[in-house]
Every structure is written in C-alpha cells, then in structure tokens.
Protein backbone atom coordinates (compact mmCIF):
# COMPACT_ATOMS: atom_id res chain seq x y z
CA MET A 1 7.88 13.87 -2.68
CA ILE A 2 6.75 11.08 -0.38
CA ARG A 3 5.58 11.93 3.12
CA LYS A 4 3.56 10.46 5.96
CA VAL A 5 -0.20 10.87 5.84
CA SER A 6 -1.47 13.64 8.10
CA LEU A 7 -4.90 14.86 9.22
CA ARG A 8 -4.99 17.39 6.39
CA ASP A 9 -4.92 14.50 3.88
CA LYS A 10 -8.17 12.92 5.05
CA GLU A 11 -10.48 13.78 2.15
CA LYS A 12 -7.85 13.17 -0.54
CA TYR A 13 -6.81 9.89 1.07
CA ILE A 14 -10.41 8.70 1.38
CA ALA A 15 -11.16 9.65 -2.24
CA MET A 16 -8.08 7.79 -3.54
CA SER A 17 -8.78 4.78 -1.35
CA ARG A 18 -12.35 4.70 -2.62
CA GLU A 19 -11.05 4.83 -6.22
CA PHE A 20 -8.60 2.02 -5.44
CA TYR A 21 -11.40 -0.17 -4.10
CA HIS A 22 -13.49 0.46 -7.20
CA SER A 23 -10.66 -0.43 -9.59
CA ASP A 24 -9.48 -3.63 -11.24
CA ALA A 25 -6.66 -3.81 -8.67
CA VAL A 26 -8.96 -5.37 -6.08
CA MET A 27 -11.58 -8.10 -6.00
CA ARG A 28 -14.42 -5.96 -4.66
CA PRO A 29 -15.24 -2.62 -3.04
CA ILE A 30 -15.27 -2.22 0.73
CA PRO A 31 -17.58 -0.08 2.91
CA ASP A 32 -16.64 3.57 3.30
CA GLY A 33 -16.62 3.03 7.06
CA ASN A 34 -13.54 0.85 6.61
CA LEU A 35 -11.76 3.64 4.73
CA TYR A 36 -12.48 6.18 7.48
CA GLY A 37 -11.56 3.71 10.22
CA THR A 38 -8.25 2.93 8.56
CA PHE A 39 -7.43 6.61 8.15
CA ASP A 40 -8.23 7.29 11.79
CA ALA A 41 -6.04 4.36 12.92
CA VAL A 42 -3.12 5.57 10.79
CA VAL A 43 -3.19 9.15 12.06
CA SER A 44 -3.65 7.99 15.65
CA GLY A 45 -0.22 6.36 15.51
CA SER A 46 -1.10 2.66 15.45
CA PRO A 47 2.09 0.54 15.67
CA TYR A 48 0.54 -1.91 13.18
CA MET A 49 0.22 0.40 10.22
CA ASP A 50 1.55 3.40 8.40
CA ALA A 51 0.57 5.38 5.32
CA TYR A 52 2.31 7.72 2.91
CA ILE A 53 1.17 10.29 0.38
CA CYS A 54 3.02 10.62 -2.91
CA GLU A 55 3.10 14.08 -4.46
CA TYR A 56 4.08 15.13 -7.96
CA ASP A 57 4.63 18.80 -8.84
CA GLY A 58 3.09 19.73 -5.49
CA LYS A 59 -0.12 17.79 -6.10
CA THR A 60 -1.32 14.59 -4.46
CA ALA A 61 -0.60 11.76 -6.89
CA GLY A 62 -1.16 8.61 -4.84
CA TYR A 63 -0.77 6.81 -1.56
CA ALA A 64 0.61 3.69 0.09
CA LEU A 65 -0.93 1.89 3.04
CA LEU A 66 1.36 -0.39 5.06
CA ALA A 67 0.51 -3.12 7.57
CA ILE A 68 3.03 -4.58 10.00
CA THR A 69 2.80 -8.17 11.27
CA TYR A 70 5.08 -10.80 12.76
CA SER A 71 6.01 -13.97 10.88
CA ASN A 72 7.73 -16.99 12.35
CA GLU A 73 8.42 -18.15 8.80
CA ALA A 74 10.21 -14.90 7.95
CA GLY A 75 11.90 -14.74 11.33
CA GLY A 76 10.67 -11.30 12.28
CA LEU A 77 8.40 -8.43 11.37
CA VAL A 78 6.81 -8.36 7.92
CA LEU A 79 5.83 -5.16 6.21
CA TRP A 80 2.82 -5.63 3.95
CA LEU A 81 2.43 -3.13 1.17
CA GLU A 82 -1.31 -3.33 1.74
CA GLU A 83 -2.30 -0.76 -0.86
CA LEU A 84 -0.37 1.20 -3.46
CA TYR A 85 -2.44 3.51 -5.60
CA ILE A 86 -1.28 6.08 -8.11
CA LEU A 87 -3.95 8.29 -9.65
CA PRO A 88 -4.42 7.52 -13.37
CA GLN A 89 -3.11 10.89 -14.59
CA TYR A 90 0.22 10.27 -12.79
CA ARG A 91 0.85 6.69 -13.91
CA GLY A 92 3.81 5.86 -16.11
CA ARG A 93 6.10 8.37 -14.38
CA GLY A 94 7.88 5.95 -12.05
CA LEU A 95 5.93 6.98 -8.96
CA GLY A 96 4.93 3.44 -7.97
CA LYS A 97 8.55 2.33 -8.11
CA ALA A 98 9.64 5.43 -6.20
CA VAL A 99 7.12 4.74 -3.42
CA ILE A 100 8.23 1.11 -3.10
CA GLU A 101 11.90 2.11 -2.99
CA PHE A 102 11.12 4.75 -0.37
CA VAL A 103 9.19 2.28 1.80
CA GLU A 104 11.92 -0.34 1.48
CA GLU A 105 14.55 2.19 2.53
CA GLN A 106 12.47 3.36 5.53
CA TYR A 107 11.87 -0.18 6.81
CA ARG A 108 14.90 -2.15 5.58
CA THR A 109 16.46 -2.42 9.06
CA LYS A 110 13.15 -2.87 10.87
CA VAL A 111 11.60 -5.86 9.10
CA ALA A 112 12.63 -9.31 7.91
CA ARG A 113 10.40 -9.37 4.83
CA PHE A 114 8.41 -7.15 2.50
CA ARG A 115 5.19 -8.61 1.20
CA LEU A 116 2.36 -7.53 -1.07
CA GLU A 117 -0.67 -8.86 -2.90
CA VAL A 118 -1.59 -8.27 -6.51
CA GLU A 119 -4.53 -9.28 -8.65
CA GLY A 120 -3.41 -11.84 -11.23
CA THR A 121 -4.75 -9.66 -14.03
CA ASN A 122 -2.77 -6.56 -12.99
CA GLU A 123 0.08 -7.21 -15.42
CA LYS A 124 1.73 -3.78 -15.12
CA ALA A 125 1.99 -4.09 -11.33
CA ILE A 126 3.24 -7.69 -11.56
CA SER A 127 5.92 -6.61 -14.03
CA LEU A 128 7.05 -3.79 -11.73
CA TYR A 129 7.17 -6.06 -8.68
CA ARG A 130 9.19 -8.69 -10.54
CA LYS A 131 11.67 -6.05 -11.71
CA MET A 132 12.03 -5.01 -8.07
CA LYS A 133 12.92 -8.62 -7.09
CA TYR A 134 9.58 -9.63 -5.54
CA ALA A 135 8.93 -13.36 -5.88
CA ARG A 136 5.62 -15.15 -6.19
CA LEU A 137 4.42 -17.18 -3.21
CA GLU A 138 2.54 -20.35 -3.97
CA TYR A 139 0.20 -19.93 -1.00
CA GLN A 140 -3.51 -19.80 -1.38
CA GLN A 141 -4.85 -17.33 1.13
CA MET A 142 -8.06 -17.90 3.02
CA TYR A 143 -9.96 -15.64 5.35
CA LYS A 144 -12.92 -15.48 7.69
CA ASP A 145 -14.63 -12.21 8.51
CA VAL A 146 -15.86 -11.71 12.08
C-alpha cells in the first residue's frame, strides 16, 4: 500500500530519512533539523512538495519525498523524486518500482517531466531507473548554500 505521509508517520519518517542520509545513496548526511523541517512542510500542505509512505504486510517499508518545480526547458512543472528509500529488509520485492509507478500515475497529467538524482555507484537503482525509461542527463549540477 502506498499512501500520503500523515502526522502519525513522523517518527518513522524521520528514522527512515535519517537512515537514507547515512547510506551510500547520498553524498553526505544532513542535519536532523532539515529532516524535521521537511516533514513539517510536507504535512502542512506545501504546494512544492509531497511525500508518501510505502507499506508491506501492514508495516512501514519505505518512503518517497517529492519536490515540484517549474522548468522552461521541460515546458511545465517538473516532479523531482527527491528521495526514495526502501528499508533493507523490504528490498528486492519490487517496492521501489511500485512507488515510482504510483507516483507517475498520480502526477502524469500534472507535470511535464519526472526527474531524479542517483549516486553513480548505486547500480541497482540505476538499473531500475533505466528499465523504467529514465534517461541520463549530461548536466553537471552546482549549488550554493545560503
């Protein structure tokens, strides 16, 4: 089952997000304050983000965090699959694919493009994304924290 994050998910969401940011899927951990701030923004109904909980046999198995932006290049809204995390004990059961398919179905008529990031060493995720018709962008991203 895949459902929107709710207030009752706070501790489980924070714990999974913390695990995600201490895994090989990301470049470095982030402060816990960011995790709590993101959760609060999601449950407050921000139009720029959404989040879903994935359950398996009635137990929380993972989550997806989505960010919504506008792109002139894409010609409309872009849905970023900002984070997709499946707990280790639930991996290999098709849950990641199911979450992506669910998100694509929910947003197919609302956005012009789906986009995600993946660490170059995360071969299993890259393989899944390629099978789901995601293409590699040749952009180098840059950022500046304020």
